[in-house]
């Protein structure tokens, strides 16, 4: 799942540290695997971040093994396969996976905007010192670089721009680049926008039904 979907499913009221934990494994590219030393009294205040991280890994495993994920990825794959992209677009199966997850966040921003507002309010409530205290307990090459990235992430709030078709296509293209794939050309971003409209007009038309299916993956 993507950031906002993790928060939507497993948020715990006003618990900013836990909310950061829910997205931290993706933000940090997986360098936090276990709570580690956090059971020690000196680090007890950071336990919510560790609990959020573990919930993230459990949720991803459950989500990716679900019939719902299989269905959504298949729907995206079918649309992408028939899309008239310019030139070669590699690993469309991977793009289908990412597109499905981003579409879920786009649905939330479009149809339940309070979720995005609450999400950013929570992660902005966490101090950089608290986050640094957590990071230094785990192997990482550049703490300051990560903290700078996190600060930009929560300030830019780009997920709230997912309704903008150009910015949505840009977000997917950026993820492709991080995965070692070529960025989409301007022409192919337009083709991708058409794929998104196709999905939202057809397979993803029943928004409340889609979000309920997401909840049912986790028996909520």
C-alpha atoms as a PDB file:
ATOM      1  CA  UNK A   1       0.000   0.000   0.000  1.00  0.00           C
ATOM      2  CA  UNK A   2       0.989   3.603  -0.360  1.00  0.00           C
ATOM      3  CA  UNK A   3       1.358   6.154   2.453  1.00  0.00           C
ATOM      4  CA  UNK A   4      -2.206   7.391   2.786  1.00  0.00           C
ATOM      5  CA  UNK A   5      -3.767   3.929   2.574  1.00  0.00           C
ATOM      6  CA  UNK A   6      -1.605   2.720   5.472  1.00  0.00           C
ATOM      7  CA  UNK A   7      -2.816   5.660   7.531  1.00  0.00           C
ATOM      8  CA  UNK A   8      -6.446   5.227   6.459  1.00  0.00           C
ATOM      9  CA  UNK A   9      -6.515   1.594   7.569  1.00  0.00           C
ATOM     10  CA  UNK A  10      -4.405   1.613  10.734  1.00  0.00           C
ATOM     11  CA  UNK A  11      -4.426   5.119  12.195  1.00  0.00           C
ATOM     12  CA  UNK A  12      -4.914   5.313  15.966  1.00  0.00           C
ATOM     13  CA  UNK A  13      -6.632   8.606  16.585  1.00  0.00           C
ATOM     14  CA  UNK A  14      -4.186  11.385  17.415  1.00  0.00           C
ATOM     15  CA  UNK A  15      -0.994   9.348  17.692  1.00  0.00           C
ATOM     16  CA  UNK A  16       1.595  11.169  15.541  1.00  0.00           C
ATOM     17  CA  UNK A  17       4.548   8.898  16.360  1.00  0.00           C
ATOM     18  CA  UNK A  18       2.566   5.805  15.429  1.00  0.00           C
ATOM     19  CA  UNK A  19       1.384   7.492  12.217  1.00  0.00           C
ATOM     20  CA  UNK A  20       4.979   8.222  11.232  1.00  0.00           C
ATOM     21  CA  UNK A  21       5.836   4.595  11.962  1.00  0.00           C
ATOM     22  CA  UNK A  22       3.116   3.456   9.572  1.00  0.00           C
ATOM     23  CA  UNK A  23       4.906   5.122   6.648  1.00  0.00           C
ATOM     24  CA  UNK A  24       8.486   5.057   7.912  1.00  0.00           C
ATOM     25  CA  UNK A  25       9.602   1.795   6.226  1.00  0.00           C
ATOM     26  CA  UNK A  26       8.737   3.212   2.804  1.00  0.00           C
ATOM     27  CA  UNK A  27      10.162   6.639   3.566  1.00  0.00           C
ATOM     28  CA  UNK A  28      13.412   5.135   4.827  1.00  0.00           C
ATOM     29  CA  UNK A  29      13.541   2.479   2.083  1.00  0.00           C
ATOM     30  CA  UNK A  30      13.321  -0.333   4.593  1.00  0.00           C
ATOM     31  CA  UNK A  31      16.308   0.224   6.875  1.00  0.00           C
ATOM     32  CA  UNK A  32      14.057  -0.200   9.937  1.00  0.00           C
ATOM     33  CA  UNK A  33      13.089  -3.858  10.261  1.00  0.00           C
ATOM     34  CA  UNK A  34      12.537  -4.435  13.991  1.00  0.00           C
ATOM     35  CA  UNK A  35      12.036  -2.326  17.139  1.00  0.00           C
ATOM     36  CA  UNK A  36      15.499  -3.351  18.294  1.00  0.00           C
ATOM     37  CA  UNK A  37      16.562  -1.581  21.481  1.00  0.00           C
ATOM     38  CA  UNK A  38      13.293   0.264  21.926  1.00  0.00           C
ATOM     39  CA  UNK A  39      12.170  -1.909  24.815  1.00  0.00           C
ATOM     40  CA  UNK A  40      14.756  -0.126  26.961  1.00  0.00           C
ATOM     41  CA  UNK A  41      13.344   2.477  29.347  1.00  0.00           C
ATOM     42  CA  UNK A  42      15.353   5.263  27.707  1.00  0.00           C
ATOM     43  CA  UNK A  43      13.546   4.690  24.424  1.00  0.00           C
ATOM     44  CA  UNK A  44      10.056   3.867  25.668  1.00  0.00           C
ATOM     45  CA  UNK A  45       8.690   7.133  24.261  1.00  0.00           C
ATOM     46  CA  UNK A  46       9.674   5.944  20.768  1.00  0.00           C
ATOM     47  CA  UNK A  47       7.806   2.640  20.944  1.00  0.00           C
ATOM     48  CA  UNK A  48       4.825   3.993  18.935  1.00  0.00           C
ATOM     49  CA  UNK A  49       7.126   4.537  15.935  1.00  0.00           C
ATOM     50  CA  UNK A  50       8.414   0.964  16.167  1.00  0.00           C
ATOM     51  CA  UNK A  51       4.866  -0.383  16.530  1.00  0.00           C
ATOM     52  CA  UNK A  52       3.806   1.582  13.461  1.00  0.00           C
ATOM     53  CA  UNK A  53       6.734   0.165  11.489  1.00  0.00           C
ATOM     54  CA  UNK A  54       5.839  -3.405  12.387  1.00  0.00           C
ATOM     55  CA  UNK A  55       2.200  -2.761  11.503  1.00  0.00           C
ATOM     56  CA  UNK A  56       3.364  -1.460   8.127  1.00  0.00           C
ATOM     57  CA  UNK A  57       5.196  -4.694   7.336  1.00  0.00           C
ATOM     58  CA  UNK A  58       2.266  -6.835   8.499  1.00  0.00           C
ATOM     59  CA  UNK A  59      -0.159  -4.775   6.425  1.00  0.00           C
ATOM     60  CA  UNK A  60       1.959  -4.954   3.274  1.00  0.00           C
ATOM     61  CA  UNK A  61       2.224  -8.735   3.558  1.00  0.00           C
ATOM     62  CA  UNK A  62      -1.521  -9.066   4.083  1.00  0.00           C
ATOM     63  CA  UNK A  63      -2.405  -6.628   1.305  1.00  0.00           C
ATOM     64  CA  UNK A  64      -0.069  -8.085  -1.319  1.00  0.00           C
ATOM     65  CA  UNK A  65      -1.356 -11.582  -0.608  1.00  0.00           C
ATOM     66  CA  UNK A  66      -5.019 -10.576  -0.937  1.00  0.00           C
ATOM     67  CA  UNK A  67      -7.511 -11.217  -3.722  1.00  0.00           C
ATOM     68  CA  UNK A  68      -8.197  -7.484  -3.683  1.00  0.00           C
ATOM     69  CA  UNK A  69      -4.599  -6.676  -4.613  1.00  0.00           C
ATOM     70  CA  UNK A  70      -4.669  -9.369  -7.282  1.00  0.00           C
ATOM     71  CA  UNK A  71      -7.859  -7.882  -8.717  1.00  0.00           C
ATOM     72  CA  UNK A  72      -6.687  -4.256  -8.662  1.00  0.00           C
ATOM     73  CA  UNK A  73      -3.293  -5.011 -10.167  1.00  0.00           C
ATOM     74  CA  UNK A  74      -4.948  -7.091 -12.890  1.00  0.00           C
ATOM     75  CA  UNK A  75      -7.359  -4.281 -13.796  1.00  0.00           C
ATOM     76  CA  UNK A  76      -4.492  -1.804 -14.040  1.00  0.00           C
ATOM     77  CA  UNK A  77      -2.411  -4.285 -16.027  1.00  0.00           C
ATOM     78  CA  UNK A  78      -5.152  -4.855 -18.586  1.00  0.00           C
ATOM     79  CA  UNK A  79      -5.558  -1.135 -19.204  1.00  0.00           C
ATOM     80  CA  UNK A  80      -1.807  -0.534 -19.434  1.00  0.00           C
ATOM     81  CA  UNK A  81      -1.338  -3.444 -21.833  1.00  0.00           C
ATOM     82  CA  UNK A  82      -3.756  -1.941 -24.325  1.00  0.00           C
ATOM     83  CA  UNK A  83      -2.491   1.634 -23.902  1.00  0.00           C
ATOM     84  CA  UNK A  84      -0.875   3.254 -26.932  1.00  0.00           C
ATOM     85  CA  UNK A  85       2.406   4.204 -25.292  1.00  0.00           C
ATOM     86  CA  UNK A  86       5.092   5.772 -27.444  1.00  0.00           C
ATOM     87  CA  UNK A  87       8.071   3.421 -27.760  1.00  0.00           C
ATOM     88  CA  UNK A  88       8.872   0.738 -25.218  1.00  0.00           C
ATOM     89  CA  UNK A  89       7.566   0.977 -21.641  1.00  0.00           C
ATOM     90  CA  UNK A  90       9.326  -1.656 -19.556  1.00  0.00           C
ATOM     91  CA  UNK A  91       7.940  -3.769 -16.684  1.00  0.00           C
ATOM     92  CA  UNK A  92       4.310  -2.833 -17.087  1.00  0.00           C
ATOM     93  CA  UNK A  93       3.451  -5.424 -14.428  1.00  0.00           C
ATOM     94  CA  UNK A  94       5.460  -3.367 -11.924  1.00  0.00           C
ATOM     95  CA  UNK A  95       3.822  -0.141 -13.080  1.00  0.00           C
ATOM     96  CA  UNK A  96       0.412  -1.822 -12.646  1.00  0.00           C
ATOM     97  CA  UNK A  97       1.273  -2.673  -9.046  1.00  0.00           C
ATOM     98  CA  UNK A  98       2.354   0.896  -8.254  1.00  0.00           C
ATOM     99  CA  UNK A  99      -0.525   2.455 -10.180  1.00  0.00           C
ATOM    100  CA  UNK A 100      -3.080   0.467  -8.188  1.00  0.00           C
ATOM    101  CA  UNK A 101      -1.601   1.628  -4.886  1.00  0.00           C
ATOM    102  CA  UNK A 102      -1.411   5.253  -5.998  1.00  0.00           C
ATOM    103  CA  UNK A 103      -4.980   5.104  -7.280  1.00  0.00           C
ATOM    104  CA  UNK A 104      -6.191   4.066  -3.833  1.00  0.00           C
ATOM    105  CA  UNK A 105      -4.564   7.154  -2.331  1.00  0.00           C
ATOM    106  CA  UNK A 106      -6.022   9.292  -5.127  1.00  0.00           C
ATOM    107  CA  UNK A 107      -9.493   7.942  -4.345  1.00  0.00           C
ATOM    108  CA  UNK A 108      -9.021   8.837  -0.683  1.00  0.00           C
ATOM    109  CA  UNK A 109      -7.890  12.395  -1.453  1.00  0.00           C
ATOM    110  CA  UNK A 110     -10.750  12.915  -3.897  1.00  0.00           C
ATOM    111  CA  UNK A 111     -13.554  11.346  -1.881  1.00  0.00           C
ATOM    112  CA  UNK A 112     -12.422  11.403   1.762  1.00  0.00           C
ATOM    113  CA  UNK A 113     -10.190  14.499   1.907  1.00  0.00           C
ATOM    114  CA  UNK A 114     -10.209  14.615   5.716  1.00  0.00           C
ATOM    115  CA  UNK A 115      -7.993  11.520   5.703  1.00  0.00           C
ATOM    116  CA  UNK A 116      -5.226  13.465   3.952  1.00  0.00           C
ATOM    117  CA  UNK A 117      -5.677  16.456   6.262  1.00  0.00           C
ATOM    118  CA  UNK A 118      -5.403  14.262   9.369  1.00  0.00           C
ATOM    119  CA  UNK A 119      -2.432  12.382   7.905  1.00  0.00           C
ATOM    120  CA  UNK A 120      -0.344  15.486   7.358  1.00  0.00           C
ATOM    121  CA  UNK A 121      -1.409  16.994  10.690  1.00  0.00           C
ATOM    122  CA  UNK A 122      -0.064  13.896  12.446  1.00  0.00           C
ATOM    123  CA  UNK A 123       3.292  13.675  10.701  1.00  0.00           C
ATOM    124  CA  UNK A 124       3.848  17.430  11.084  1.00  0.00           C
ATOM    125  CA  UNK A 125       3.338  17.050  14.830  1.00  0.00           C
ATOM    126  CA  UNK A 126       6.431  14.841  15.159  1.00  0.00           C
ATOM    127  CA  UNK A 127       9.639  16.676  15.991  1.00  0.00           C
ATOM    128  CA  UNK A 128      12.770  16.039  13.972  1.00  0.00           C
ATOM    129  CA  UNK A 129      14.595  15.284  17.221  1.00  0.00           C
ATOM    130  CA  UNK A 130      12.172  12.454  18.013  1.00  0.00           C
ATOM    131  CA  UNK A 131      12.692  11.066  14.552  1.00  0.00           C
ATOM    132  CA  UNK A 132      16.479  11.349  14.847  1.00  0.00           C
ATOM    133  CA  UNK A 133      16.393   9.570  18.223  1.00  0.00           C
ATOM    134  CA  UNK A 134      14.659   6.681  16.491  1.00  0.00           C
ATOM    135  CA  UNK A 135      16.876   6.647  13.404  1.00  0.00           C
ATOM    136  CA  UNK A 136      20.166   6.513  15.314  1.00  0.00           C
ATOM    137  CA  UNK A 137      19.113   3.152  16.773  1.00  0.00           C
ATOM    138  CA  UNK A 138      19.268   1.629  13.287  1.00  0.00           C
ATOM    139  CA  UNK A 139      21.943   1.425  10.601  1.00  0.00           C
ATOM    140  CA  UNK A 140      21.719   4.314   8.178  1.00  0.00           C
ATOM    141  CA  UNK A 141      24.382   6.133   6.219  1.00  0.00           C
ATOM    142  CA  UNK A 142      23.163   9.710   6.316  1.00  0.00           C
ATOM    143  CA  UNK A 143      20.752  10.751   9.074  1.00  0.00           C
ATOM    144  CA  UNK A 144      20.784  14.430   8.162  1.00  0.00           C
ATOM    145  CA  UNK A 145      19.955  13.705   4.527  1.00  0.00           C
ATOM    146  CA  UNK A 146      16.992  11.582   5.576  1.00  0.00           C
ATOM    147  CA  UNK A 147      15.706  14.191   8.031  1.00  0.00           C
ATOM    148  CA  UNK A 148      15.917  16.810   5.283  1.00  0.00           C
ATOM    149  CA  UNK A 149      13.953  14.500   2.981  1.00  0.00           C
ATOM    150  CA  UNK A 150      11.312  13.875   5.656  1.00  0.00           C
ATOM    151  CA  UNK A 151      10.915  17.583   6.313  1.00  0.00           C
ATOM    152  CA  UNK A 152      10.414  18.211   2.582  1.00  0.00           C
ATOM    153  CA  UNK A 153       7.955  15.288   2.346  1.00  0.00           C
ATOM    154  CA  UNK A 154       5.638  16.620   5.012  1.00  0.00           C
ATOM    155  CA  UNK A 155       5.973  20.258   3.954  1.00  0.00           C
ATOM    156  CA  UNK A 156       5.295  19.602   0.255  1.00  0.00           C
ATOM    157  CA  UNK A 157       2.264  17.389   1.009  1.00  0.00           C
ATOM    158  CA  UNK A 158       2.322  16.177  -2.580  1.00  0.00           C
ATOM    159  CA  UNK A 159      -0.189  13.370  -1.950  1.00  0.00           C
ATOM    160  CA  UNK A 160      -2.869  16.026  -1.589  1.00  0.00           C
ATOM    161  CA  UNK A 161      -2.078  16.990  -5.192  1.00  0.00           C
ATOM    162  CA  UNK A 162      -2.989  13.536  -6.548  1.00  0.00           C
ATOM    163  CA  UNK A 163      -6.268  14.887  -7.995  1.00  0.00           C
ATOM    164  CA  UNK A 164      -4.104  16.924 -10.396  1.00  0.00           C
ATOM    165  CA  UNK A 165      -3.623  14.584 -13.348  1.00  0.00           C
ATOM    166  CA  UNK A 166      -0.233  15.994 -14.341  1.00  0.00           C
ATOM    167  CA  UNK A 167       1.170  15.731 -10.836  1.00  0.00           C
ATOM    168  CA  UNK A 168      -0.250  12.231 -10.411  1.00  0.00           C
ATOM    169  CA  UNK A 169       1.515  11.051 -13.576  1.00  0.00           C
ATOM    170  CA  UNK A 170       4.683  12.774 -12.399  1.00  0.00           C
ATOM    171  CA  UNK A 171       4.544  10.894  -9.075  1.00  0.00           C
ATOM    172  CA  UNK A 172       4.309   7.549 -10.841  1.00  0.00           C
ATOM    173  CA  UNK A 173       7.127   8.490 -13.202  1.00  0.00           C
ATOM    174  CA  UNK A 174       9.310   9.449 -10.242  1.00  0.00           C
ATOM    175  CA  UNK A 175       8.723   6.059  -8.581  1.00  0.00           C
ATOM    176  CA  UNK A 176       9.684   4.360 -11.838  1.00  0.00           C
ATOM    177  CA  UNK A 177      12.943   6.304 -11.873  1.00  0.00           C
ATOM    178  CA  UNK A 178      13.744   5.236  -8.301  1.00  0.00           C
ATOM    179  CA  UNK A 179      13.164   1.621  -9.378  1.00  0.00           C
ATOM    180  CA  UNK A 180      15.721   2.008 -12.162  1.00  0.00           C
ATOM    181  CA  UNK A 181      13.249   2.426 -15.009  1.00  0.00           C
ATOM    182  CA  UNK A 182      13.278   5.266 -17.553  1.00  0.00           C
ATOM    183  CA  UNK A 183      11.007   8.169 -16.672  1.00  0.00           C
ATOM    184  CA  UNK A 184       7.885   8.518 -18.753  1.00  0.00           C
ATOM    185  CA  UNK A 185       8.079  10.931 -21.658  1.00  0.00           C
ATOM    186  CA  UNK A 186       5.630  13.822 -21.851  1.00  0.00           C
ATOM    187  CA  UNK A 187       3.611  11.905 -24.436  1.00  0.00           C
ATOM    188  CA  UNK A 188       3.492   8.777 -22.303  1.00  0.00           C
ATOM    189  CA  UNK A 189       2.403  10.758 -19.250  1.00  0.00           C
ATOM    190  CA  UNK A 190      -0.614  11.870 -21.297  1.00  0.00           C
ATOM    191  CA  UNK A 191      -1.287   8.234 -22.226  1.00  0.00           C
ATOM    192  CA  UNK A 192      -1.037   7.323 -18.535  1.00  0.00           C
ATOM    193  CA  UNK A 193      -3.576  10.021 -17.646  1.00  0.00           C
ATOM    194  CA  UNK A 194      -5.955   8.415 -20.125  1.00  0.00           C
ATOM    195  CA  UNK A 195      -5.383   5.039 -18.445  1.00  0.00           C
ATOM    196  CA  UNK A 196      -6.256   6.563 -15.066  1.00  0.00           C
ATOM    197  CA  UNK A 197      -9.470   8.078 -16.440  1.00  0.00           C
ATOM    198  CA  UNK A 198     -10.357   4.715 -17.983  1.00  0.00           C
ATOM    199  CA  UNK A 199      -9.894   2.936 -14.653  1.00  0.00           C
ATOM    200  CA  UNK A 200     -11.799   5.561 -12.683  1.00  0.00           C
ATOM    201  CA  UNK A 201     -14.680   5.505 -15.161  1.00  0.00           C
ATOM    202  CA  UNK A 202     -14.910   1.717 -15.125  1.00  0.00           C
ATOM    203  CA  UNK A 203     -13.189  -0.672 -12.690  1.00  0.00           C
ATOM    204  CA  UNK A 204     -12.775   1.978  -9.968  1.00  0.00           C
ATOM    205  CA  UNK A 205     -16.074   3.765 -10.507  1.00  0.00           C
ATOM    206  CA  UNK A 206     -17.660   2.455  -7.284  1.00  0.00           C
ATOM    207  CA  UNK A 207     -15.397   4.390  -4.929  1.00  0.00           C
ATOM    208  CA  UNK A 208     -17.096   3.465  -1.664  1.00  0.00           C
ATOM    209  CA  UNK A 209     -17.173  -0.167  -2.724  1.00  0.00           C
ATOM    210  CA  UNK A 210     -13.434  -0.072  -3.484  1.00  0.00           C
ATOM    211  CA  UNK A 211     -12.595   1.471  -0.120  1.00  0.00           C
ATOM    212  CA  UNK A 212     -14.793  -1.065   1.645  1.00  0.00           C
ATOM    213  CA  UNK A 213     -12.960  -3.864  -0.164  1.00  0.00           C
ATOM    214  CA  UNK A 214      -9.694  -2.381   1.103  1.00  0.00           C
ATOM    215  CA  UNK A 215     -11.003  -2.446   4.671  1.00  0.00           C
ATOM    216  CA  UNK A 216     -12.201  -6.010   4.310  1.00  0.00           C
ATOM    217  CA  UNK A 217      -8.662  -7.144   3.487  1.00  0.00           C
ATOM    218  CA  UNK A 218      -7.893  -6.268   7.107  1.00  0.00           C
ATOM    219  CA  UNK A 219     -11.271  -7.387   8.531  1.00  0.00           C
ATOM    220  CA  UNK A 220     -12.208  -3.800   9.439  1.00  0.00           C
END
